């Protein structure tokens, strides 16, 4: 099968905006998000403002969770128990690694889907 240059360009454009492409690595974290916590197998972060949280597996350079938090909400990461909770609710994440180092980034205000091409 042979693609014309126009069809190839459309395919590349479509794939760059496909769901899930903004969920990997540090590039998925908005530039104005602050690093607020780092930890190993188990730690807790408490939000002081409303906003969005991004939890990154530093060694694998992947975002394992992103979502909204309200003031007072606690994010708990426990890789030994294979669990991430936000405000007491377990959230679905990829497999966690007990020996990994995790970073928590927080962006005050509205949570938005971030894509480096759309929000440089």
Protein backbone atom coordinates (compact mmCIF):
# COMPACT_ATOMS: atom_id res chain seq x y z
CA UNK A 1 0.00 0.00 0.00
CA UNK A 2 1.37 3.36 -0.99
CA UNK A 3 0.41 6.63 0.66
CA UNK A 4 0.44 9.96 -1.11
CA UNK A 5 2.27 12.78 0.69
CA UNK A 6 -1.07 14.40 1.58
CA UNK A 7 -2.45 11.13 3.05
CA UNK A 8 0.76 10.62 5.01
CA UNK A 9 0.58 14.16 6.42
CA UNK A 10 -3.05 13.61 7.48
CA UNK A 11 -2.14 10.29 9.14
CA UNK A 12 0.72 11.89 11.08
CA UNK A 13 -1.51 14.79 12.16
CA UNK A 14 -4.24 12.39 13.30
CA UNK A 15 -1.81 10.24 15.28
CA UNK A 16 -0.27 13.25 17.01
CA UNK A 17 -3.67 14.14 18.50
CA UNK A 18 -4.77 10.59 19.31
CA UNK A 19 -5.96 9.94 22.87
CA UNK A 20 -3.20 8.97 25.24
CA UNK A 21 -0.38 10.72 23.43
CA UNK A 22 -0.21 13.33 26.18
CA UNK A 23 0.15 10.81 29.00
CA UNK A 24 3.83 9.94 28.74
CA UNK A 25 6.74 11.62 30.34
CA UNK A 26 7.75 14.99 31.60
CA UNK A 27 6.58 16.61 28.36
CA UNK A 28 3.03 15.81 29.50
CA UNK A 29 3.35 18.09 32.51
CA UNK A 30 2.44 21.75 31.87
CA UNK A 31 5.47 24.01 32.13
CA UNK A 32 3.90 26.12 34.89
CA UNK A 33 3.20 23.12 37.15
CA UNK A 34 5.34 23.09 40.29
CA UNK A 35 7.27 20.10 41.61
CA UNK A 36 5.74 19.75 45.10
CA UNK A 37 6.77 16.28 46.30
CA UNK A 38 9.24 13.50 45.56
CA UNK A 39 9.21 10.10 47.13
CA UNK A 40 9.96 6.43 46.93
CA UNK A 41 7.60 3.54 47.54
CA UNK A 42 5.11 5.34 49.82
CA UNK A 43 4.35 9.02 50.44
CA UNK A 44 1.52 11.53 50.79
CA UNK A 45 0.87 14.99 49.31
CA UNK A 46 -1.92 17.31 50.51
CA UNK A 47 -3.25 19.99 48.16
CA UNK A 48 -3.50 23.50 49.57
CA UNK A 49 -5.30 24.95 46.52
CA UNK A 50 -7.66 23.64 43.84
CA UNK A 51 -5.81 22.39 40.78
CA UNK A 52 -4.40 19.52 38.80
CA UNK A 53 -1.91 16.93 39.98
CA UNK A 54 0.51 14.94 37.81
CA UNK A 55 2.34 11.93 39.29
CA UNK A 56 5.44 10.90 37.35
CA UNK A 57 7.49 7.72 37.58
CA UNK A 58 10.84 9.45 37.25
CA UNK A 59 12.92 6.47 36.08
CA UNK A 60 10.42 5.34 33.44
CA UNK A 61 9.58 8.96 32.52
CA UNK A 62 5.85 8.32 32.46
CA UNK A 63 2.83 9.94 34.04
CA UNK A 64 1.09 7.33 36.14
CA UNK A 65 -1.79 9.57 37.21
CA UNK A 66 -3.20 13.03 36.53
CA UNK A 67 -6.40 14.54 37.81
CA UNK A 68 -8.16 17.23 39.85
CA UNK A 69 -7.56 17.95 43.50
CA UNK A 70 -9.40 20.27 45.89
CA UNK A 71 -7.89 22.01 48.92
CA UNK A 72 -7.30 19.45 51.67
CA UNK A 73 -7.41 16.44 49.32
CA UNK A 74 -4.64 13.94 49.99
CA UNK A 75 -2.80 12.06 47.28
CA UNK A 76 -1.26 8.84 48.57
CA UNK A 77 1.17 6.77 46.52
CA UNK A 78 1.95 3.28 47.81
CA UNK A 79 3.81 1.28 45.20
CA UNK A 80 4.19 -1.73 47.52
CA UNK A 81 0.40 -2.02 47.70
CA UNK A 82 0.06 -1.08 43.99
CA UNK A 83 -2.28 1.76 44.92
CA UNK A 84 -2.70 5.49 44.35
CA UNK A 85 -5.53 7.21 46.21
CA UNK A 86 -6.93 10.72 45.93
CA UNK A 87 -9.25 11.98 48.68
CA UNK A 88 -9.62 8.38 49.89
CA UNK A 89 -10.60 6.96 46.48
CA UNK A 90 -8.32 4.50 44.71
CA UNK A 91 -7.55 5.66 41.17
CA UNK A 92 -6.60 3.41 38.30
CA UNK A 93 -2.91 3.56 37.40
CA UNK A 94 -0.41 1.46 35.49
CA UNK A 95 1.71 -0.98 37.50
CA UNK A 96 3.83 0.74 40.12
CA UNK A 97 7.42 -0.20 40.91
CA UNK A 98 8.45 -0.34 44.60
CA UNK A 99 12.01 0.72 43.80
CA UNK A 100 10.96 3.68 41.63
CA UNK A 101 11.23 7.36 42.48
CA UNK A 102 8.04 9.34 42.00
CA UNK A 103 7.50 13.06 41.48
CA UNK A 104 4.31 15.04 42.11
CA UNK A 105 3.67 18.18 40.08
CA UNK A 106 0.79 20.53 40.92
CA UNK A 107 -0.83 23.19 38.76
CA UNK A 108 -3.09 25.62 40.60
CA UNK A 109 -6.42 26.34 38.94
CA UNK A 110 -8.16 24.55 36.10
CA UNK A 111 -7.12 21.06 35.02
CA UNK A 112 -6.62 20.90 31.29
CA UNK A 113 -5.47 18.20 28.98
CA UNK A 114 -1.93 19.17 28.08
CA UNK A 115 -0.29 18.52 24.76
CA UNK A 116 3.11 20.08 23.96
CA UNK A 117 2.10 20.91 20.39
CA UNK A 118 -1.10 22.68 21.47
CA UNK A 119 0.15 24.28 24.73
CA UNK A 120 3.89 24.90 24.35
